[in-house]
Amino acid sequence: MELNLPILSHVADCKNLLIAGMGGGFDVFCGLPIYFELRRRGHVVHLAKFSFSDIESITHGIRLSRTLVGVTADPTQIYPYFPEFHLTQWFKERRGEDVPIWSFQKTGARPLLENYRLLAEHLSLDGILLIDGGVDSLMSGDEAEMGTAIEDATSLFAVHELRQVPVRLLACVGFGAEQDITYTHVLENIAALTREGGAFGSCSLLPQMESYQAFEEAVLYAQDQPCQDPSVINSCIVSAVRGHYGDYHLTDKTKGHRLWISPLMTQYWFFDCQAVASRNRFLSCLTNTVTFREALFLVMEATQLLAKRKASKIPL
């Protein structure tokens, strides 16, 4: 069974496409079903992520800058929290493939943009698909609750400014998995993007899909490694695709917290990156940020000044 991607016409002419996890952690895993589906169709696809790990201290891999490295497999290495390392190990151990995971140090927007430029030149990129595990990348800043949008916003800023790459898209998956988000405002934002021509449709993951099965295997492999904290969002997606509903917990990490597993978590939503960036009301404050701490404080300050929309329940 195929993953019926609605963006095939948008990436049809891309010779080198990058799928980049935009929010850190396990976001790059959320792009694996798309990665495998596009590879099956003959596309050349690369993987990257905005990392929560200490990229500067990595001693192996393909280093392009102090804060950008293509992480490669190495059975002699042990790391406390390094999802991208476990992903490249999975590719090597389970599939016999050498797949570097390009990893950006968690910095402010200016170094991240420069690293994206380096990687775009190194890989001859003509397309980038940002992938968000969750939907807080769609926040504009005036939502009643907007989750933890800073990492997503920093990635969005960098890719939006990467004018030399003609195709720049954004995909979200895992609707409902995040806490502290006003989902009525998420749907309102998606409706606005649809009116403006910035929404490109959706598709759902099913357990019969080979692309999904590879994703699930990679997630469970990484989460089973020593000293590895499991991903709440990826665990929720796996639970939803398996057909669970409501307060179901795949990992002990979430026990004691109420979850709402639902079929909505299995759905990808696709958007034009520039359209999402143009609706973001705090993105410009990131322009000159160098450190992540600086970006965090400026975003907090900017969003506190915005008048908030009134929260309401989804009338279903």
C-alpha atoms as a PDB file:
ATOM      1  CA  MET A   1       0.000   0.000   0.000  1.00  0.00           C
ATOM      2  CA  GLU A   2       1.303   3.450  -0.980  1.00  0.00           C
ATOM      3  CA  LEU A   3       1.389   6.638   1.071  1.00  0.00           C
ATOM      4  CA  ASN A   4      -0.653   8.910  -1.194  1.00  0.00           C
ATOM      5  CA  LEU A   5       1.403  12.083  -0.801  1.00  0.00           C
ATOM      6  CA  PRO A   6      -0.369  15.221  -2.096  1.00  0.00           C
ATOM      7  CA  ILE A   7       2.970  17.007  -2.688  1.00  0.00           C
ATOM      8  CA  LEU A   8       4.257  14.775  -5.484  1.00  0.00           C
ATOM      9  CA  SER A   9       3.745  17.479  -8.106  1.00  0.00           C
ATOM     10  CA  HIS A  10       5.623  19.982  -5.941  1.00  0.00           C
ATOM     11  CA  VAL A  11       8.714  17.768  -5.619  1.00  0.00           C
ATOM     12  CA  ALA A  12       8.543  16.139  -9.054  1.00  0.00           C
ATOM     13  CA  ASP A  13      11.504  18.113 -10.418  1.00  0.00           C
ATOM     14  CA  CYS A  14      13.630  17.987  -7.243  1.00  0.00           C
ATOM     15  CA  LYS A  15      16.913  16.163  -7.834  1.00  0.00           C
ATOM     16  CA  ASN A  16      18.058  16.419  -4.189  1.00  0.00           C
ATOM     17  CA  LEU A  17      15.416  16.820  -1.495  1.00  0.00           C
ATOM     18  CA  LEU A  18      16.123  17.283   2.207  1.00  0.00           C
ATOM     19  CA  ILE A  19      13.631  16.155   4.856  1.00  0.00           C
ATOM     20  CA  ALA A  20      14.523  18.106   7.993  1.00  0.00           C
ATOM     21  CA  GLY A  21      13.120  17.652  11.482  1.00  0.00           C
ATOM     22  CA  MET A  22      12.453  21.197  12.575  1.00  0.00           C
ATOM     23  CA  GLY A  23      11.729  20.893  16.292  1.00  0.00           C
ATOM     24  CA  GLY A  24      14.564  18.751  17.619  1.00  0.00           C
ATOM     25  CA  GLY A  25      14.267  15.415  19.375  1.00  0.00           C
ATOM     26  CA  PHE A  26      12.593  12.769  17.223  1.00  0.00           C
ATOM     27  CA  ASP A  27      11.059  15.087  14.612  1.00  0.00           C
ATOM     28  CA  VAL A  28      13.217  13.623  11.835  1.00  0.00           C
ATOM     29  CA  PHE A  29      11.661  10.197  12.532  1.00  0.00           C
ATOM     30  CA  CYS A  30       8.263  11.701  11.679  1.00  0.00           C
ATOM     31  CA  GLY A  31       9.552  12.259   8.153  1.00  0.00           C
ATOM     32  CA  LEU A  32      10.612   8.647   7.581  1.00  0.00           C
ATOM     33  CA  PRO A  33       7.369   7.447   5.939  1.00  0.00           C
ATOM     34  CA  ILE A  34       7.671  10.307   3.438  1.00  0.00           C
ATOM     35  CA  TYR A  35      11.383   9.553   2.995  1.00  0.00           C
ATOM     36  CA  PHE A  36      10.752   5.891   2.157  1.00  0.00           C
ATOM     37  CA  GLU A  37       7.799   6.647  -0.116  1.00  0.00           C
ATOM     38  CA  LEU A  38       9.781   9.207  -2.120  1.00  0.00           C
ATOM     39  CA  ARG A  39      12.790   6.892  -2.352  1.00  0.00           C
ATOM     40  CA  ARG A  40      10.500   4.136  -3.635  1.00  0.00           C
ATOM     41  CA  ARG A  41       9.420   6.531  -6.359  1.00  0.00           C
ATOM     42  CA  GLY A  42      13.019   7.173  -7.398  1.00  0.00           C
ATOM     43  CA  HIS A  43      13.766  10.456  -5.620  1.00  0.00           C
ATOM     44  CA  VAL A  44      17.129  11.231  -4.007  1.00  0.00           C
ATOM     45  CA  VAL A  45      16.277  12.166  -0.418  1.00  0.00           C
ATOM     46  CA  HIS A  46      18.449  13.224   2.526  1.00  0.00           C
ATOM     47  CA  LEU A  47      17.656  13.500   6.252  1.00  0.00           C
ATOM     48  CA  ALA A  48      18.480  16.272   8.737  1.00  0.00           C
ATOM     49  CA  LYS A  49      17.371  17.629  12.095  1.00  0.00           C
ATOM     50  CA  PHE A  50      17.650  20.557  14.499  1.00  0.00           C
ATOM     51  CA  SER A  51      19.410  18.672  17.266  1.00  0.00           C
ATOM     52  CA  PHE A  52      19.023  18.564  21.040  1.00  0.00           C
ATOM     53  CA  SER A  53      22.408  16.798  21.271  1.00  0.00           C
ATOM     54  CA  ASP A  54      25.915  18.272  21.603  1.00  0.00           C
ATOM     55  CA  ILE A  55      26.859  18.414  17.931  1.00  0.00           C
ATOM     56  CA  GLU A  56      30.036  20.404  18.541  1.00  0.00           C
ATOM     57  CA  SER A  57      31.627  17.557  20.531  1.00  0.00           C
ATOM     58  CA  ILE A  58      30.885  14.746  18.046  1.00  0.00           C
ATOM     59  CA  THR A  59      34.198  13.176  16.978  1.00  0.00           C
ATOM     60  CA  HIS A  60      32.987  11.160  13.988  1.00  0.00           C
ATOM     61  CA  GLY A  61      30.819  11.833  10.969  1.00  0.00           C
ATOM     62  CA  ILE A  62      30.954  14.299   8.077  1.00  0.00           C
ATOM     63  CA  ARG A  63      31.646  17.734   9.548  1.00  0.00           C
ATOM     64  CA  LEU A  64      30.753  20.793   7.487  1.00  0.00           C
ATOM     65  CA  SER A  65      31.061  23.357  10.290  1.00  0.00           C
ATOM     66  CA  ARG A  66      31.557  23.537  14.033  1.00  0.00           C
ATOM     67  CA  THR A  67      27.785  23.271  14.472  1.00  0.00           C
ATOM     68  CA  LEU A  68      26.826  21.009  11.560  1.00  0.00           C
ATOM     69  CA  VAL A  69      27.772  17.366  11.142  1.00  0.00           C
ATOM     70  CA  GLY A  70      26.459  14.431   9.156  1.00  0.00           C
ATOM     71  CA  VAL A  71      26.122  11.840  11.917  1.00  0.00           C
ATOM     72  CA  THR A  72      27.171   8.358  10.814  1.00  0.00           C
ATOM     73  CA  ALA A  73      26.968   4.906  12.365  1.00  0.00           C
ATOM     74  CA  ASP A  74      29.683   3.794  14.784  1.00  0.00           C
ATOM     75  CA  PRO A  75      29.101   0.669  16.934  1.00  0.00           C
ATOM     76  CA  THR A  76      31.837   1.747  19.371  1.00  0.00           C
ATOM     77  CA  GLN A  77      30.056   4.952  20.397  1.00  0.00           C
ATOM     78  CA  ILE A  78      27.564   5.363  23.269  1.00  0.00           C
ATOM     79  CA  TYR A  79      25.564   8.571  23.799  1.00  0.00           C
ATOM     80  CA  PRO A  80      23.058   9.470  26.548  1.00  0.00           C
ATOM     81  CA  TYR A  81      20.491  11.153  24.261  1.00  0.00           C
ATOM     82  CA  PHE A  82      21.130  11.143  20.545  1.00  0.00           C
ATOM     83  CA  PRO A  83      18.128  10.052  18.428  1.00  0.00           C
ATOM     84  CA  GLU A  84      19.829  10.863  15.113  1.00  0.00           C
ATOM     85  CA  PHE A  85      22.789   8.625  16.007  1.00  0.00           C
ATOM     86  CA  HIS A  86      20.441   5.730  16.791  1.00  0.00           C
ATOM     87  CA  LEU A  87      18.621   6.375  13.505  1.00  0.00           C
ATOM     88  CA  THR A  88      21.785   6.111  11.432  1.00  0.00           C
ATOM     89  CA  GLN A  89      22.718   2.991  13.449  1.00  0.00           C
ATOM     90  CA  TRP A  90      19.301   1.514  12.605  1.00  0.00           C
ATOM     91  CA  PHE A  91      19.842   2.144   8.898  1.00  0.00           C
ATOM     92  CA  LYS A  92      23.209   0.378   9.095  1.00  0.00           C
ATOM     93  CA  GLU A  93      22.203  -2.564  11.295  1.00  0.00           C
ATOM     94  CA  ARG A  94      18.718  -3.310   9.962  1.00  0.00           C
ATOM     95  CA  ARG A  95      18.958  -2.202   6.326  1.00  0.00           C
ATOM     96  CA  GLY A  96      22.681  -2.322   5.534  1.00  0.00           C
ATOM     97  CA  GLU A  97      22.637   1.326   4.428  1.00  0.00           C
ATOM     98  CA  ASP A  98      25.010   4.180   5.200  1.00  0.00           C
ATOM     99  CA  VAL A  99      22.633   7.108   5.715  1.00  0.00           C
ATOM    100  CA  PRO A 100      24.106  10.194   7.406  1.00  0.00           C
ATOM    101  CA  ILE A 101      21.668  12.231   9.492  1.00  0.00           C
ATOM    102  CA  TRP A 102      22.685  15.878   9.059  1.00  0.00           C
ATOM    103  CA  SER A 103      22.457  17.462  12.498  1.00  0.00           C
ATOM    104  CA  PHE A 104      22.346  21.164  13.329  1.00  0.00           C
ATOM    105  CA  GLN A 105      23.491  22.376  16.746  1.00  0.00           C
ATOM    106  CA  LYS A 106      20.678  24.108  18.666  1.00  0.00           C
ATOM    107  CA  THR A 107      21.641  27.729  17.952  1.00  0.00           C
ATOM    108  CA  GLY A 108      19.946  30.987  17.109  1.00  0.00           C
ATOM    109  CA  ALA A 109      18.652  31.754  13.626  1.00  0.00           C
ATOM    110  CA  ARG A 110      21.781  33.277  12.073  1.00  0.00           C
ATOM    111  CA  PRO A 111      24.116  30.268  12.583  1.00  0.00           C
ATOM    112  CA  LEU A 112      21.314  27.886  11.619  1.00  0.00           C
ATOM    113  CA  LEU A 113      20.690  29.771   8.367  1.00  0.00           C
ATOM    114  CA  GLU A 114      24.411  29.673   7.544  1.00  0.00           C
ATOM    115  CA  ASN A 115      24.502  25.937   8.215  1.00  0.00           C
ATOM    116  CA  TYR A 116      21.483  25.380   5.971  1.00  0.00           C
ATOM    117  CA  ARG A 117      23.309  27.304   3.245  1.00  0.00           C
ATOM    118  CA  LEU A 118      26.379  25.109   3.686  1.00  0.00           C
ATOM    119  CA  LEU A 119      24.314  21.944   3.524  1.00  0.00           C
ATOM    120  CA  ALA A 120      22.301  23.158   0.528  1.00  0.00           C
ATOM    121  CA  GLU A 121      25.546  23.734  -1.364  1.00  0.00           C
ATOM    122  CA  HIS A 122      27.117  20.468  -0.212  1.00  0.00           C
ATOM    123  CA  LEU A 123      24.122  18.354  -1.259  1.00  0.00           C
ATOM    124  CA  SER A 124      23.055  20.525  -4.241  1.00  0.00           C
ATOM    125  CA  LEU A 125      19.610  20.832  -2.682  1.00  0.00           C
ATOM    126  CA  ASP A 126      16.709  22.045  -4.783  1.00  0.00           C
ATOM    127  CA  GLY A 127      14.012  21.146  -2.239  1.00  0.00           C
ATOM    128  CA  ILE A 128      13.498  21.101   1.523  1.00  0.00           C
ATOM    129  CA  LEU A 129      10.590  19.578   3.418  1.00  0.00           C
ATOM    130  CA  LEU A 130      10.492  20.668   7.055  1.00  0.00           C
ATOM    131  CA  ILE A 131       8.801  18.068   9.240  1.00  0.00           C
ATOM    132  CA  ASP A 132       7.113  18.852  12.549  1.00  0.00           C
ATOM    133  CA  GLY A 133       6.130  16.165  15.026  1.00  0.00           C
ATOM    134  CA  GLY A 134       3.032  17.995  16.216  1.00  0.00           C
ATOM    135  CA  VAL A 135       1.535  21.216  14.931  1.00  0.00           C
ATOM    136  CA  ASP A 136       3.130  24.047  16.909  1.00  0.00           C
ATOM    137  CA  SER A 137       5.050  25.099  13.790  1.00  0.00           C
ATOM    138  CA  LEU A 138       1.714  26.514  12.597  1.00  0.00           C
ATOM    139  CA  MET A 139       1.460  28.948  15.523  1.00  0.00           C
ATOM    140  CA  SER A 140       1.364  32.628  14.600  1.00  0.00           C
ATOM    141  CA  GLY A 141       1.909  33.953  18.130  1.00  0.00           C
ATOM    142  CA  ASP A 142      -1.565  35.158  19.092  1.00  0.00           C
ATOM    143  CA  GLU A 143      -2.979  31.760  20.081  1.00  0.00           C
ATOM    144  CA  ALA A 144      -4.261  31.315  23.636  1.00  0.00           C
ATOM    145  CA  GLU A 145      -1.728  28.475  24.092  1.00  0.00           C
ATOM    146  CA  MET A 146       1.013  27.887  21.537  1.00  0.00           C
ATOM    147  CA  GLY A 147       3.054  25.011  22.960  1.00  0.00           C
ATOM    148  CA  THR A 148       6.833  25.051  22.529  1.00  0.00           C
ATOM    149  CA  ALA A 149       7.195  26.729  19.160  1.00  0.00           C
ATOM    150  CA  ILE A 150      10.686  28.212  19.494  1.00  0.00           C
ATOM    151  CA  GLU A 151      12.670  25.382  17.854  1.00  0.00           C
ATOM    152  CA  ASP A 152      10.135  25.109  15.040  1.00  0.00           C
ATOM    153  CA  ALA A 153      10.182  28.874  14.513  1.00  0.00           C
ATOM    154  CA  THR A 154      13.987  28.977  14.323  1.00  0.00           C
ATOM    155  CA  SER A 155      13.998  26.257  11.648  1.00  0.00           C
ATOM    156  CA  LEU A 156      11.133  27.936   9.827  1.00  0.00           C
ATOM    157  CA  PHE A 157      13.009  31.253   9.787  1.00  0.00           C
ATOM    158  CA  ALA A 158      16.187  29.668   8.393  1.00  0.00           C
ATOM    159  CA  VAL A 159      14.471  27.722   5.603  1.00  0.00           C
ATOM    160  CA  HIS A 160      12.202  30.656   4.722  1.00  0.00           C
ATOM    161  CA  GLU A 161      15.336  32.780   4.196  1.00  0.00           C
ATOM    162  CA  LEU A 162      17.029  30.100   2.074  1.00  0.00           C
ATOM    163  CA  ARG A 163      16.071  31.726  -1.214  1.00  0.00           C
ATOM    164  CA  GLN A 164      18.449  29.643  -3.347  1.00  0.00           C
ATOM    165  CA  VAL A 165      16.362  26.508  -2.704  1.00  0.00           C
ATOM    166  CA  PRO A 166      13.261  26.832  -4.917  1.00  0.00           C
ATOM    167  CA  VAL A 167      10.989  24.232  -3.239  1.00  0.00           C
ATOM    168  CA  ARG A 168      10.369  24.741   0.484  1.00  0.00           C
ATOM    169  CA  LEU A 169       7.524  22.831   2.115  1.00  0.00           C
ATOM    170  CA  LEU A 170       6.337  22.042   5.628  1.00  0.00           C
ATOM    171  CA  ALA A 171       4.574  18.936   6.927  1.00  0.00           C
ATOM    172  CA  CYS A 172       2.962  18.287  10.317  1.00  0.00           C
ATOM    173  CA  VAL A 173       1.911  14.972  11.840  1.00  0.00           C
ATOM    174  CA  GLY A 174       0.643  14.016  15.296  1.00  0.00           C
ATOM    175  CA  PHE A 175      -2.309  16.382  15.718  1.00  0.00           C
ATOM    176  CA  GLY A 176      -3.435  16.198  19.359  1.00  0.00           C
ATOM    177  CA  ALA A 177      -0.206  14.763  20.786  1.00  0.00           C
ATOM    178  CA  GLU A 178       1.068  18.039  22.242  1.00  0.00           C
ATOM    179  CA  GLN A 179      -0.019  19.673  25.479  1.00  0.00           C
ATOM    180  CA  ASP A 180      -0.610  23.407  26.029  1.00  0.00           C
ATOM    181  CA  ILE A 181      -1.920  24.067  22.511  1.00  0.00           C
ATOM    182  CA  THR A 182      -5.274  25.592  21.600  1.00  0.00           C
ATOM    183  CA  TYR A 183      -6.361  23.237  18.831  1.00  0.00           C
ATOM    184  CA  THR A 184      -9.283  25.417  17.749  1.00  0.00           C
ATOM    185  CA  HIS A 185      -6.680  28.016  16.797  1.00  0.00           C
ATOM    186  CA  VAL A 186      -4.597  25.401  14.965  1.00  0.00           C
ATOM    187  CA  LEU A 187      -7.610  24.525  12.819  1.00  0.00           C
ATOM    188  CA  GLU A 188      -8.330  28.219  12.318  1.00  0.00           C
ATOM    189  CA  ASN A 189      -4.747  28.710  11.127  1.00  0.00           C
ATOM    190  CA  ILE A 190      -5.039  25.778   8.707  1.00  0.00           C
ATOM    191  CA  ALA A 191      -8.270  27.257   7.348  1.00  0.00           C
ATOM    192  CA  ALA A 192      -6.528  30.611   6.807  1.00  0.00           C
ATOM    193  CA  LEU A 193      -3.644  28.910   4.998  1.00  0.00           C
ATOM    194  CA  THR A 194      -6.178  27.086   2.819  1.00  0.00           C
ATOM    195  CA  ARG A 195      -7.880  30.374   1.867  1.00  0.00           C
ATOM    196  CA  GLU A 196      -4.488  31.875   1.008  1.00  0.00           C
ATOM    197  CA  GLY A 197      -3.428  28.932  -1.159  1.00  0.00           C
ATOM    198  CA  GLY A 198      -0.727  27.813   1.274  1.00  0.00           C
ATOM    199  CA  ALA A 199      -2.218  24.413   2.208  1.00  0.00           C
ATOM    200  CA  PHE A 200      -1.411  21.441  -0.017  1.00  0.00           C
ATOM    201  CA  GLY A 201      -3.658  18.731   1.415  1.00  0.00           C
ATOM    202  CA  SER A 202      -3.242  15.757   3.702  1.00  0.00           C
ATOM    203  CA  CYS A 203      -2.843  11.992   3.823  1.00  0.00           C
ATOM    204  CA  SER A 204      -2.902   9.325   6.519  1.00  0.00           C
ATOM    205  CA  LEU A 205      -0.566   6.599   7.715  1.00  0.00           C
ATOM    206  CA  LEU A 206      -1.904   3.031   7.784  1.00  0.00           C
ATOM    207  CA  PRO A 207      -0.280  -0.082   9.303  1.00  0.00           C
ATOM    208  CA  GLN A 208      -0.291  -1.892   5.936  1.00  0.00           C
ATOM    209  CA  MET A 209       2.087   0.667   4.392  1.00  0.00           C
ATOM    210  CA  GLU A 210       5.722  -0.453   4.051  1.00  0.00           C
ATOM    211  CA  SER A 211       6.833   3.145   4.563  1.00  0.00           C
ATOM    212  CA  TYR A 212       4.988   3.241   7.885  1.00  0.00           C
ATOM    213  CA  GLN A 213       6.316  -0.168   8.971  1.00  0.00           C
ATOM    214  CA  ALA A 214       9.910   1.035   8.470  1.00  0.00           C
ATOM    215  CA  PHE A 215       9.131   4.183  10.490  1.00  0.00           C
ATOM    216  CA  GLU A 216       7.675   2.186  13.392  1.00  0.00           C
ATOM    217  CA  GLU A 217      10.643  -0.185  13.429  1.00  0.00           C
ATOM    218  CA  ALA A 218      13.088   2.741  13.513  1.00  0.00           C
ATOM    219  CA  VAL A 219      11.202   4.505  16.333  1.00  0.00           C
ATOM    220  CA  LEU A 220      11.010   1.391  18.515  1.00  0.00           C
ATOM    221  CA  TYR A 221      14.659   0.566  17.825  1.00  0.00           C
ATOM    222  CA  ALA A 222      15.821   4.045  18.912  1.00  0.00           C
ATOM    223  CA  GLN A 223      13.587   4.105  21.974  1.00  0.00           C
ATOM    224  CA  ASP A 224      14.944   0.737  23.070  1.00  0.00           C
ATOM    225  CA  GLN A 225      18.561   1.914  23.176  1.00  0.00           C
ATOM    226  CA  PRO A 226      20.335   2.453  26.538  1.00  0.00           C
ATOM    227  CA  CYS A 227      19.919   5.897  28.128  1.00  0.00           C
ATOM    228  CA  GLN A 228      17.419   6.880  25.433  1.00  0.00           C
ATOM    229  CA  ASP A 229      14.383   8.924  26.437  1.00  0.00           C
ATOM    230  CA  PRO A 230      11.339   7.820  24.369  1.00  0.00           C
ATOM    231  CA  SER A 231       9.502  10.234  22.115  1.00  0.00           C
ATOM    232  CA  VAL A 232       6.001  11.105  23.300  1.00  0.00           C
ATOM    233  CA  ILE A 233       4.816  12.295  19.891  1.00  0.00           C
ATOM    234  CA  ASN A 234       6.210   9.357  17.921  1.00  0.00           C
ATOM    235  CA  SER A 235       4.802   6.929  20.511  1.00  0.00           C
ATOM    236  CA  CYS A 236       1.399   8.590  20.119  1.00  0.00           C
ATOM    237  CA  ILE A 237       1.576   8.301  16.331  1.00  0.00           C
ATOM    238  CA  VAL A 238       2.485   4.607  16.539  1.00  0.00           C
ATOM    239  CA  SER A 239      -0.362   4.021  19.014  1.00  0.00           C
ATOM    240  CA  ALA A 240      -2.849   5.780  16.740  1.00  0.00           C
ATOM    241  CA  VAL A 241      -1.774   3.895  13.608  1.00  0.00           C
ATOM    242  CA  ARG A 242      -2.123   0.623  15.517  1.00  0.00           C
ATOM    243  CA  GLY A 243      -5.744   1.568  16.206  1.00  0.00           C
ATOM    244  CA  HIS A 244      -5.609   2.593  19.849  1.00  0.00           C
ATOM    245  CA  TYR A 245      -7.844   5.370  21.104  1.00  0.00           C
ATOM    246  CA  GLY A 246      -8.098   7.606  24.141  1.00  0.00           C
ATOM    247  CA  ASP A 247      -5.840   7.403  27.190  1.00  0.00           C
ATOM    248  CA  TYR A 248      -3.505   4.696  25.873  1.00  0.00           C
ATOM    249  CA  HIS A 249       0.214   4.696  26.792  1.00  0.00           C
ATOM    250  CA  LEU A 250       2.841   2.972  24.644  1.00  0.00           C
ATOM    251  CA  THR A 251       5.652   3.978  27.026  1.00  0.00           C
ATOM    252  CA  ASP A 252       5.935   4.401  30.769  1.00  0.00           C
ATOM    253  CA  LYS A 253       7.111   7.986  30.218  1.00  0.00           C
ATOM    254  CA  THR A 254       3.563   9.264  29.712  1.00  0.00           C
ATOM    255  CA  LYS A 255       1.833   7.277  32.456  1.00  0.00           C
ATOM    256  CA  GLY A 256       0.238   9.629  34.964  1.00  0.00           C
ATOM    257  CA  HIS A 257      -0.578  12.102  32.173  1.00  0.00           C
ATOM    258  CA  ARG A 258      -3.822  11.928  30.231  1.00  0.00           C
ATOM    259  CA  LEU A 259      -3.390  11.254  26.510  1.00  0.00           C
ATOM    260  CA  TRP A 260      -5.933  11.540  23.726  1.00  0.00           C
ATOM    261  CA  ILE A 261      -4.855   9.032  21.092  1.00  0.00           C
ATOM    262  CA  SER A 262      -6.995   9.429  17.976  1.00  0.00           C
ATOM    263  CA  PRO A 263      -6.947   8.835  14.189  1.00  0.00           C
ATOM    264  CA  LEU A 264      -6.089  12.523  13.745  1.00  0.00           C
ATOM    265  CA  MET A 265      -2.555  11.707  14.918  1.00  0.00           C
ATOM    266  CA  THR A 266      -1.975   9.530  11.847  1.00  0.00           C
ATOM    267  CA  GLN A 267      -2.578  12.379   9.423  1.00  0.00           C
ATOM    268  CA  TYR A 268       0.037  14.463   7.604  1.00  0.00           C
ATOM    269  CA  TRP A 269      -0.817  18.075   6.744  1.00  0.00           C
ATOM    270  CA  PHE A 270       1.274  19.788   4.038  1.00  0.00           C
ATOM    271  CA  PHE A 271       1.896  23.506   3.573  1.00  0.00           C
ATOM    272  CA  ASP A 272       3.930  26.036   1.667  1.00  0.00           C
ATOM    273  CA  CYS A 273       6.804  27.079   3.925  1.00  0.00           C
ATOM    274  CA  GLN A 274       6.673  30.727   2.848  1.00  0.00           C
ATOM    275  CA  ALA A 275       2.935  30.923   3.488  1.00  0.00           C
ATOM    276  CA  VAL A 276       3.350  29.613   7.045  1.00  0.00           C
ATOM    277  CA  ALA A 277       6.255  32.004   7.671  1.00  0.00           C
ATOM    278  CA  SER A 278       4.305  35.014   6.382  1.00  0.00           C
ATOM    279  CA  ARG A 279       1.532  34.370   8.931  1.00  0.00           C
ATOM    280  CA  ASN A 280       3.952  34.115  11.840  1.00  0.00           C
ATOM    281  CA  ARG A 281       3.815  37.352  13.831  1.00  0.00           C
ATOM    282  CA  PHE A 282       7.024  36.881  15.836  1.00  0.00           C
ATOM    283  CA  LEU A 283       9.387  35.326  13.280  1.00  0.00           C
ATOM    284  CA  SER A 284      11.171  38.590  12.464  1.00  0.00           C
ATOM    285  CA  CYS A 285      12.493  38.909  16.028  1.00  0.00           C
ATOM    286  CA  LEU A 286      14.801  35.956  15.301  1.00  0.00           C
ATOM    287  CA  THR A 287      16.672  37.725  12.502  1.00  0.00           C
ATOM    288  CA  ASN A 288      19.882  38.565  14.373  1.00  0.00           C
ATOM    289  CA  THR A 289      19.862  35.860  17.048  1.00  0.00           C
ATOM    290  CA  VAL A 290      23.068  33.884  17.508  1.00  0.00           C
ATOM    291  CA  THR A 291      22.387  31.669  20.525  1.00  0.00           C
ATOM    292  CA  PHE A 292      19.311  29.591  21.186  1.00  0.00           C
ATOM    293  CA  ARG A 293      18.915  31.278  24.573  1.00  0.00           C
ATOM    294  CA  GLU A 294      18.774  34.657  22.856  1.00  0.00           C
ATOM    295  CA  ALA A 295      16.158  33.391  20.414  1.00  0.00           C
ATOM    296  CA  LEU A 296      14.099  31.941  23.261  1.00  0.00           C
ATOM    297  CA  PHE A 297      13.960  35.168  25.241  1.00  0.00           C
ATOM    298  CA  LEU A 298      13.150  37.320  22.202  1.00  0.00           C
ATOM    299  CA  VAL A 299      10.299  35.019  21.142  1.00  0.00           C
ATOM    300  CA  MET A 300       8.888  34.987  24.676  1.00  0.00           C
ATOM    301  CA  GLU A 301       9.045  38.774  24.791  1.00  0.00           C
ATOM    302  CA  ALA A 302       7.485  39.231  21.348  1.00  0.00           C
ATOM    303  CA  THR A 303       4.601  36.810  21.910  1.00  0.00           C
ATOM    304  CA  GLN A 304       3.753  38.296  25.307  1.00  0.00           C
ATOM    305  CA  LEU A 305       3.077  41.622  23.576  1.00  0.00           C
ATOM    306  CA  LEU A 306       0.570  40.132  21.127  1.00  0.00           C
ATOM    307  CA  ALA A 307      -3.152  40.262  21.876  1.00  0.00           C
ATOM    308  CA  LYS A 308      -4.383  36.690  22.271  1.00  0.00           C
ATOM    309  CA  ARG A 309      -7.346  35.120  20.540  1.00  0.00           C
ATOM    310  CA  LYS A 310     -10.082  33.854  22.821  1.00  0.00           C
ATOM    311  CA  ALA A 311      -9.889  30.108  23.452  1.00  0.00           C
ATOM    312  CA  SER A 312     -12.867  27.879  22.732  1.00  0.00           C
ATOM    313  CA  LYS A 313     -13.594  24.158  22.527  1.00  0.00           C
ATOM    314  CA  ILE A 314     -13.841  22.372  19.200  1.00  0.00           C
ATOM    315  CA  PRO A 315     -17.612  22.126  18.612  1.00  0.00           C
ATOM    316  CA  LEU A 316     -17.819  18.449  17.725  1.00  0.00           C
END
